[in-house]
């Protein structure tokens, strides 16, 4: 597992822990989801894991 995958796993665990504490199945059910720092870190770690740290964007 590389450093990007490790960060992704850590941030995914953080999101799941938050959802469990709030008794939610999804971040979208949370009233704070738009400004949530935990969710922002998770999203960033997904991008970094996909790009392996290279610059540039993604087209979905």
C-alpha atoms as a PDB file:
ATOM      1  CA  UNK A   1       0.000   0.000   0.000  1.00  0.00           C
ATOM      2  CA  UNK A   2       1.484   3.363  -1.017  1.00  0.00           C
ATOM      3  CA  UNK A   3       1.191   6.640   0.912  1.00  0.00           C
ATOM      4  CA  UNK A   4      -1.808   7.766  -1.158  1.00  0.00           C
ATOM      5  CA  UNK A   5      -3.727   4.567  -0.441  1.00  0.00           C
ATOM      6  CA  UNK A   6      -2.856   4.883   3.252  1.00  0.00           C
ATOM      7  CA  UNK A   7      -4.236   8.444   3.354  1.00  0.00           C
ATOM      8  CA  UNK A   8      -7.362   7.287   1.547  1.00  0.00           C
ATOM      9  CA  UNK A   9      -7.933   4.469   4.032  1.00  0.00           C
ATOM     10  CA  UNK A  10      -7.389   6.821   6.983  1.00  0.00           C
ATOM     11  CA  UNK A  11      -9.777   9.457   5.637  1.00  0.00           C
ATOM     12  CA  UNK A  12     -12.383   6.801   4.728  1.00  0.00           C
ATOM     13  CA  UNK A  13     -12.222   5.502   8.301  1.00  0.00           C
ATOM     14  CA  UNK A  14     -12.708   9.054   9.580  1.00  0.00           C
ATOM     15  CA  UNK A  15     -15.807   9.546   7.389  1.00  0.00           C
ATOM     16  CA  UNK A  16     -17.261   6.194   8.439  1.00  0.00           C
ATOM     17  CA  UNK A  17     -16.624   6.962  12.122  1.00  0.00           C
ATOM     18  CA  UNK A  18     -18.385  10.325  11.781  1.00  0.00           C
ATOM     19  CA  UNK A  19     -21.355   8.751  10.014  1.00  0.00           C
ATOM     20  CA  UNK A  20     -21.626   6.091  12.711  1.00  0.00           C
ATOM     21  CA  UNK A  21     -21.469   8.699  15.505  1.00  0.00           C
ATOM     22  CA  UNK A  22     -24.259  10.659  13.816  1.00  0.00           C
ATOM     23  CA  UNK A  23     -26.193   7.487  12.958  1.00  0.00           C
ATOM     24  CA  UNK A  24     -26.155   8.280   9.222  1.00  0.00           C
ATOM     25  CA  UNK A  25     -25.738   6.078   6.151  1.00  0.00           C
ATOM     26  CA  UNK A  26     -24.439   8.908   3.984  1.00  0.00           C
ATOM     27  CA  UNK A  27     -22.825  12.327   4.282  1.00  0.00           C
ATOM     28  CA  UNK A  28     -25.635  13.708   2.143  1.00  0.00           C
ATOM     29  CA  UNK A  29     -28.029  13.061   5.039  1.00  0.00           C
ATOM     30  CA  UNK A  30     -25.987  15.373   7.269  1.00  0.00           C
ATOM     31  CA  UNK A  31     -26.893  19.049   7.546  1.00  0.00           C
ATOM     32  CA  UNK A  32     -23.181  19.977   7.652  1.00  0.00           C
ATOM     33  CA  UNK A  33     -22.048  18.065   4.541  1.00  0.00           C
ATOM     34  CA  UNK A  34     -21.363  21.082   2.305  1.00  0.00           C
ATOM     35  CA  UNK A  35     -18.792  22.652   4.614  1.00  0.00           C
ATOM     36  CA  UNK A  36     -17.546  19.471   6.267  1.00  0.00           C
ATOM     37  CA  UNK A  37     -13.756  19.316   6.632  1.00  0.00           C
ATOM     38  CA  UNK A  38     -13.813  15.532   7.106  1.00  0.00           C
ATOM     39  CA  UNK A  39     -15.612  15.099   3.795  1.00  0.00           C
ATOM     40  CA  UNK A  40     -13.261  17.575   2.066  1.00  0.00           C
ATOM     41  CA  UNK A  41     -10.213  15.635   3.296  1.00  0.00           C
ATOM     42  CA  UNK A  42     -11.770  12.385   2.088  1.00  0.00           C
ATOM     43  CA  UNK A  43     -12.527  13.816  -1.361  1.00  0.00           C
ATOM     44  CA  UNK A  44      -8.979  15.171  -1.638  1.00  0.00           C
ATOM     45  CA  UNK A  45      -7.511  11.818  -0.642  1.00  0.00           C
ATOM     46  CA  UNK A  46      -9.603  10.101  -3.348  1.00  0.00           C
ATOM     47  CA  UNK A  47      -8.197  12.441  -6.012  1.00  0.00           C
ATOM     48  CA  UNK A  48      -4.654  12.002  -4.727  1.00  0.00           C
ATOM     49  CA  UNK A  49      -5.034   8.228  -4.684  1.00  0.00           C
ATOM     50  CA  UNK A  50      -6.270   8.260  -8.276  1.00  0.00           C
ATOM     51  CA  UNK A  51      -3.511  10.574  -9.539  1.00  0.00           C
ATOM     52  CA  UNK A  52      -0.742   9.306  -7.250  1.00  0.00           C
ATOM     53  CA  UNK A  53       0.224  12.915  -6.598  1.00  0.00           C
ATOM     54  CA  UNK A  54       0.539  14.045 -10.205  1.00  0.00           C
ATOM     55  CA  UNK A  55      -0.818  17.458 -11.145  1.00  0.00           C
ATOM     56  CA  UNK A  56      -3.909  17.760 -13.272  1.00  0.00           C
ATOM     57  CA  UNK A  57      -7.600  17.221 -13.088  1.00  0.00           C
ATOM     58  CA  UNK A  58     -10.057  14.454 -13.705  1.00  0.00           C
ATOM     59  CA  UNK A  59     -12.893  14.284 -16.149  1.00  0.00           C
ATOM     60  CA  UNK A  60     -15.813  12.171 -15.017  1.00  0.00           C
END
